[in-house]
Amino acid sequence: MHVANLQLEGLLMAIASINNVLVRKGILTTDEIDTALRRAEAAMTGEERNHEDLSPSNVDAVCFPIRLLQLANLGQSEGGVQSFSELTRSVGQLKQPYGDQR
């Protein structure tokens, strides 16, 4: 695996863990984090972004970290967050098929 991918994996899991602590300490709720992540995804997929002519797979790549953090947020517990491999599998299972894949 490319080193940058490993660095991103570590960064995403660090953010997921920080979000978990913020919720446990009562600083933010899972709903507040979910709303922030939904806004981030909307900003990445919104009309103003379409001028870049991103393919559906590129949009998925851009949204992958946001979607992973959403799932980590919704699935967190007192013990922490799911593993990276569990989260990536879930992101893939929830992905909508492209227009030509239906």
N, C-alpha and C. Protein backbone atom coordinates (compact mmCIF):
# COMPACT_ATOMS: atom_id res chain seq x y z
N MET A 1 0.85 -1.17 0.00
CA MET A 1 0.00 0.00 0.00
C MET A 1 0.90 1.24 0.00
N HIS A 2 0.47 2.24 -0.70
CA HIS A 2 1.21 3.50 -0.78
C HIS A 2 1.24 4.18 0.59
N VAL A 3 2.35 4.79 0.94
CA VAL A 3 2.52 5.43 2.24
C VAL A 3 1.47 6.51 2.48
N ALA A 4 1.11 7.27 1.45
CA ALA A 4 0.09 8.31 1.62
C ALA A 4 -1.24 7.70 2.04
N ASN A 5 -1.57 6.53 1.51
CA ASN A 5 -2.81 5.86 1.91
C ASN A 5 -2.78 5.49 3.38
N LEU A 6 -1.64 5.02 3.84
CA LEU A 6 -1.51 4.68 5.26
C LEU A 6 -1.61 5.92 6.14
N GLN A 7 -1.05 7.02 5.66
CA GLN A 7 -1.14 8.26 6.42
C GLN A 7 -2.59 8.74 6.49
N LEU A 8 -3.32 8.63 5.39
CA LEU A 8 -4.73 9.02 5.39
C LEU A 8 -5.55 8.11 6.30
N GLU A 9 -5.24 6.82 6.29
CA GLU A 9 -5.93 5.88 7.18
C GLU A 9 -5.72 6.31 8.63
N GLY A 10 -4.51 6.62 8.99
CA GLY A 10 -4.22 7.06 10.35
C GLY A 10 -4.93 8.36 10.69
N LEU A 11 -4.92 9.30 9.78
CA LEU A 11 -5.59 10.58 10.00
C LEU A 11 -7.09 10.40 10.19
N LEU A 12 -7.71 9.60 9.35
CA LEU A 12 -9.15 9.38 9.46
C LEU A 12 -9.51 8.72 10.79
N MET A 13 -8.73 7.74 11.20
CA MET A 13 -9.02 7.07 12.46
C MET A 13 -8.77 8.00 13.64
N ALA A 14 -7.78 8.89 13.52
CA ALA A 14 -7.55 9.87 14.58
C ALA A 14 -8.74 10.82 14.71
N ILE A 15 -9.25 11.29 13.58
CA ILE A 15 -10.41 12.19 13.60
C ILE A 15 -11.62 11.47 14.17
N ALA A 16 -11.82 10.21 13.77
CA ALA A 16 -12.95 9.43 14.29
C ALA A 16 -12.83 9.27 15.81
N SER A 17 -11.63 9.04 16.29
CA SER A 17 -11.42 8.90 17.74
C SER A 17 -11.65 10.21 18.47
N ILE A 18 -11.21 11.31 17.88
CA ILE A 18 -11.44 12.63 18.49
C ILE A 18 -12.94 12.92 18.54
N ASN A 19 -13.65 12.61 17.46
CA ASN A 19 -15.10 12.81 17.46
C ASN A 19 -15.76 11.99 18.56
N ASN A 20 -15.29 10.77 18.76
CA ASN A 20 -15.82 9.90 19.81
C ASN A 20 -15.63 10.53 21.18
N VAL A 21 -14.47 11.08 21.42
CA VAL A 21 -14.19 11.73 22.71
C VAL A 21 -15.07 12.97 22.88
N LEU A 22 -15.24 13.74 21.82
CA LEU A 22 -16.08 14.94 21.90
C LEU A 22 -17.52 14.58 22.28
N VAL A 23 -18.01 13.48 21.75
CA VAL A 23 -19.37 13.04 22.08
C VAL A 23 -19.42 12.53 23.52
N ARG A 24 -18.46 11.71 23.91
CA ARG A 24 -18.45 11.15 25.27
C ARG A 24 -18.36 12.24 26.32
N LYS A 25 -17.63 13.32 26.03
CA LYS A 25 -17.48 14.41 26.99
C LYS A 25 -18.65 15.39 26.94
N GLY A 26 -19.58 15.19 26.00
CA GLY A 26 -20.75 16.05 25.91
C GLY A 26 -20.49 17.37 25.22
N ILE A 27 -19.39 17.49 24.53
CA ILE A 27 -19.05 18.73 23.83
C ILE A 27 -19.88 18.85 22.55
N LEU A 28 -20.01 17.75 21.84
CA LEU A 28 -20.84 17.67 20.65
C LEU A 28 -21.70 16.42 20.75
N THR A 29 -22.80 16.40 19.99
CA THR A 29 -23.62 15.19 19.91
C THR A 29 -23.31 14.48 18.59
N THR A 30 -23.69 13.23 18.51
CA THR A 30 -23.50 12.52 17.25
C THR A 30 -24.30 13.20 16.14
N ASP A 31 -25.45 13.76 16.48
CA ASP A 31 -26.25 14.47 15.47
C ASP A 31 -25.53 15.71 14.96
N GLU A 32 -24.87 16.44 15.85
CA GLU A 32 -24.13 17.64 15.43
C GLU A 32 -22.96 17.27 14.52
N ILE A 33 -22.26 16.21 14.86
CA ILE A 33 -21.15 15.76 14.01
C ILE A 33 -21.70 15.28 12.67
N ASP A 34 -22.80 14.52 12.70
CA ASP A 34 -23.41 14.04 11.46
C ASP A 34 -23.82 15.20 10.57
N THR A 35 -24.42 16.22 11.15
CA THR A 35 -24.83 17.39 10.37
C THR A 35 -23.62 18.07 9.73
N ALA A 36 -22.55 18.23 10.49
CA ALA A 36 -21.34 18.86 9.95
C ALA A 36 -20.77 18.04 8.79
N LEU A 37 -20.75 16.72 8.94
CA LEU A 37 -20.22 15.86 7.88
C LEU A 37 -21.14 15.86 6.66
N ARG A 38 -22.44 15.89 6.86
CA ARG A 38 -23.38 15.98 5.73
C ARG A 38 -23.18 17.29 4.97
N ARG A 39 -22.94 18.36 5.70
CA ARG A 39 -22.68 19.66 5.05
C ARG A 39 -21.39 19.60 4.24
N ALA A 40 -20.38 18.94 4.79
CA ALA A 40 -19.12 18.80 4.07
C ALA A 40 -19.31 18.00 2.79
N GLU A 41 -20.08 16.92 2.87
CA GLU A 41 -20.33 16.12 1.66
C GLU A 41 -21.14 16.91 0.64
N ALA A 42 -22.13 17.65 1.10
CA ALA A 42 -22.93 18.47 0.19
C ALA A 42 -22.05 19.52 -0.50
N ALA A 43 -21.12 20.09 0.24
CA ALA A 43 -20.22 21.08 -0.36
C ALA A 43 -19.33 20.44 -1.43
N MET A 44 -18.95 19.20 -1.21
CA MET A 44 -18.08 18.51 -2.17
C MET A 44 -18.83 18.01 -3.40
N THR A 45 -20.13 17.82 -3.28
CA THR A 45 -20.91 17.28 -4.39
C THR A 45 -21.88 18.28 -4.97
N GLY A 46 -21.92 19.49 -4.44
CA GLY A 46 -22.89 20.50 -4.85
C GLY A 46 -22.65 21.03 -6.25
N GLU A 47 -23.60 21.81 -6.68
CA GLU A 47 -23.58 22.39 -8.02
C GLU A 47 -22.30 23.17 -8.33
N GLU A 48 -21.82 23.95 -7.37
CA GLU A 48 -20.63 24.74 -7.62
C GLU A 48 -19.40 23.87 -7.86
N ARG A 49 -19.45 22.64 -7.44
CA ARG A 49 -18.33 21.71 -7.62
C ARG A 49 -18.41 20.99 -8.97
N ASN A 50 -19.59 20.95 -9.57
CA ASN A 50 -19.79 20.21 -10.82
C ASN A 50 -18.97 20.76 -11.99
N HIS A 51 -18.54 22.00 -11.90
CA HIS A 51 -17.76 22.56 -13.00
C HIS A 51 -16.43 21.83 -13.21
N GLU A 52 -16.04 21.06 -12.23
CA GLU A 52 -14.78 20.33 -12.33
C GLU A 52 -14.90 19.06 -13.13
N ASP A 53 -16.12 18.71 -13.55
CA ASP A 53 -16.36 17.51 -14.35
C ASP A 53 -15.77 16.26 -13.73
N LEU A 54 -16.07 16.03 -12.49
CA LEU A 54 -15.59 14.83 -11.82
C LEU A 54 -16.43 13.63 -12.23
N SER A 55 -15.78 12.53 -12.48
CA SER A 55 -16.49 11.29 -12.77
C SER A 55 -17.14 10.80 -11.48
N PRO A 56 -18.13 9.92 -11.59
CA PRO A 56 -18.74 9.37 -10.38
C PRO A 56 -17.72 8.69 -9.46
N SER A 57 -16.75 8.02 -10.03
CA SER A 57 -15.75 7.37 -9.17
C SER A 57 -14.87 8.41 -8.47
N ASN A 58 -14.60 9.54 -9.12
CA ASN A 58 -13.83 10.60 -8.47
C ASN A 58 -14.64 11.26 -7.35
N VAL A 59 -15.95 11.42 -7.56
CA VAL A 59 -16.81 11.96 -6.51
C VAL A 59 -16.80 11.02 -5.31
N ASP A 60 -16.88 9.71 -5.59
CA ASP A 60 -16.79 8.73 -4.50
C ASP A 60 -15.47 8.85 -3.76
N ALA A 61 -14.39 9.05 -4.49
CA ALA A 61 -13.07 9.18 -3.85
C ALA A 61 -13.01 10.41 -2.97
N VAL A 62 -13.57 11.51 -3.43
CA VAL A 62 -13.58 12.75 -2.66
C VAL A 62 -14.45 12.59 -1.41
N CYS A 63 -15.56 11.88 -1.54
CA CYS A 63 -16.51 11.74 -0.43
C CYS A 63 -16.18 10.58 0.51
N PHE A 64 -15.28 9.69 0.11
CA PHE A 64 -14.96 8.53 0.94
C PHE A 64 -14.59 8.90 2.37
N PRO A 65 -13.67 9.84 2.61
CA PRO A 65 -13.31 10.15 4.00
C PRO A 65 -14.49 10.67 4.81
N ILE A 66 -15.32 11.47 4.17
CA ILE A 66 -16.49 12.02 4.87
C ILE A 66 -17.45 10.90 5.23
N ARG A 67 -17.70 10.01 4.29
CA ARG A 67 -18.62 8.89 4.53
C ARG A 67 -18.07 7.95 5.59
N LEU A 68 -16.78 7.72 5.59
CA LEU A 68 -16.18 6.88 6.62
C LEU A 68 -16.36 7.51 7.99
N LEU A 69 -16.14 8.81 8.09
CA LEU A 69 -16.30 9.49 9.38
C LEU A 69 -17.76 9.51 9.81
N GLN A 70 -18.69 9.60 8.87
CA GLN A 70 -20.11 9.52 9.21
C GLN A 70 -20.44 8.17 9.83
N LEU A 71 -19.98 7.11 9.20
CA LEU A 71 -20.25 5.77 9.73
C LEU A 71 -19.56 5.55 11.08
N ALA A 72 -18.35 6.06 11.22
CA ALA A 72 -17.65 5.95 12.50
C ALA A 72 -18.43 6.69 13.58
N ASN A 73 -18.94 7.85 13.25
CA ASN A 73 -19.72 8.65 14.18
C ASN A 73 -20.99 7.91 14.60
N LEU A 74 -21.71 7.37 13.64
CA LEU A 74 -22.98 6.72 13.94
C LEU A 74 -22.79 5.38 14.66
N GLY A 75 -21.64 4.74 14.45
CA GLY A 75 -21.40 3.44 15.05
C GLY A 75 -20.52 3.46 16.29
N GLN A 76 -20.21 4.64 16.80
CA GLN A 76 -19.30 4.72 17.94
C GLN A 76 -19.97 4.23 19.22
N SER A 77 -19.13 3.84 20.14
CA SER A 77 -19.60 3.37 21.44
C SER A 77 -18.63 3.87 22.50
N GLU A 78 -18.92 3.54 23.74
CA GLU A 78 -18.02 3.92 24.82
C GLU A 78 -16.61 3.37 24.60
N GLY A 79 -16.54 2.21 23.94
CA GLY A 79 -15.24 1.57 23.70
C GLY A 79 -14.46 2.16 22.55
N GLY A 80 -15.05 3.03 21.78
CA GLY A 80 -14.36 3.65 20.66
C GLY A 80 -15.10 3.47 19.35
N VAL A 81 -14.34 3.44 18.29
CA VAL A 81 -14.93 3.33 16.95
C VAL A 81 -14.53 2.00 16.32
N GLN A 82 -15.26 1.63 15.28
CA GLN A 82 -14.96 0.40 14.55
C GLN A 82 -13.58 0.50 13.90
N SER A 83 -13.08 -0.63 13.45
CA SER A 83 -11.79 -0.64 12.78
C SER A 83 -11.90 -0.01 11.39
N PHE A 84 -10.76 0.39 10.86
CA PHE A 84 -10.73 1.00 9.54
C PHE A 84 -11.29 0.03 8.49
N SER A 85 -10.93 -1.23 8.56
CA SER A 85 -11.40 -2.19 7.56
C SER A 85 -12.91 -2.38 7.65
N GLU A 86 -13.47 -2.38 8.85
CA GLU A 86 -14.93 -2.49 9.00
C GLU A 86 -15.62 -1.27 8.40
N LEU A 87 -15.06 -0.11 8.66
CA LEU A 87 -15.66 1.12 8.15
C LEU A 87 -15.57 1.20 6.63
N THR A 88 -14.43 0.84 6.06
CA THR A 88 -14.29 0.90 4.60
C THR A 88 -15.25 -0.08 3.93
N ARG A 89 -15.41 -1.25 4.51
CA ARG A 89 -16.35 -2.24 3.97
C ARG A 89 -17.77 -1.66 3.98
N SER A 90 -18.15 -1.02 5.06
CA SER A 90 -19.48 -0.43 5.17
C SER A 90 -19.68 0.70 4.16
N VAL A 91 -18.66 1.52 3.97
CA VAL A 91 -18.76 2.60 2.98
C VAL A 91 -19.03 1.99 1.60
N GLY A 92 -18.30 0.95 1.26
CA GLY A 92 -18.49 0.29 -0.03
C GLY A 92 -19.86 -0.34 -0.18
N GLN A 93 -20.38 -0.93 0.88
CA GLN A 93 -21.69 -1.56 0.83
C GLN A 93 -22.82 -0.54 0.69
N LEU A 94 -22.62 0.64 1.24
CA LEU A 94 -23.66 1.67 1.19
C LEU A 94 -23.61 2.54 -0.07
N LYS A 95 -22.53 2.40 -0.84
CA LYS A 95 -22.36 3.23 -2.04
C LYS A 95 -23.45 2.91 -3.05
N GLN A 96 -24.01 3.96 -3.61
CA GLN A 96 -25.03 3.81 -4.63
C GLN A 96 -24.37 3.46 -5.97
N PRO A 97 -24.99 2.56 -6.77
CA PRO A 97 -24.41 2.25 -8.07
C PRO A 97 -24.50 3.45 -9.01
N TYR A 98 -23.56 3.50 -9.94
CA TYR A 98 -23.59 4.56 -10.95
C TYR A 98 -24.70 4.27 -11.93
N GLY A 99 -25.07 5.27 -12.71
CA GLY A 99 -26.15 5.14 -13.67
C GLY A 99 -26.01 3.93 -14.60
N ASP A 100 -24.80 3.59 -15.01
CA ASP A 100 -24.60 2.48 -15.93
C ASP A 100 -24.41 1.15 -15.21
N GLN A 101 -24.52 1.13 -13.88
CA GLN A 101 -24.31 -0.11 -13.12
C GLN A 101 -25.61 -0.67 -12.58
N ARG A 102 -26.73 -0.11 -12.95
CA ARG A 102 -28.02 -0.56 -12.39
C ARG A 102 -28.58 -1.70 -13.14
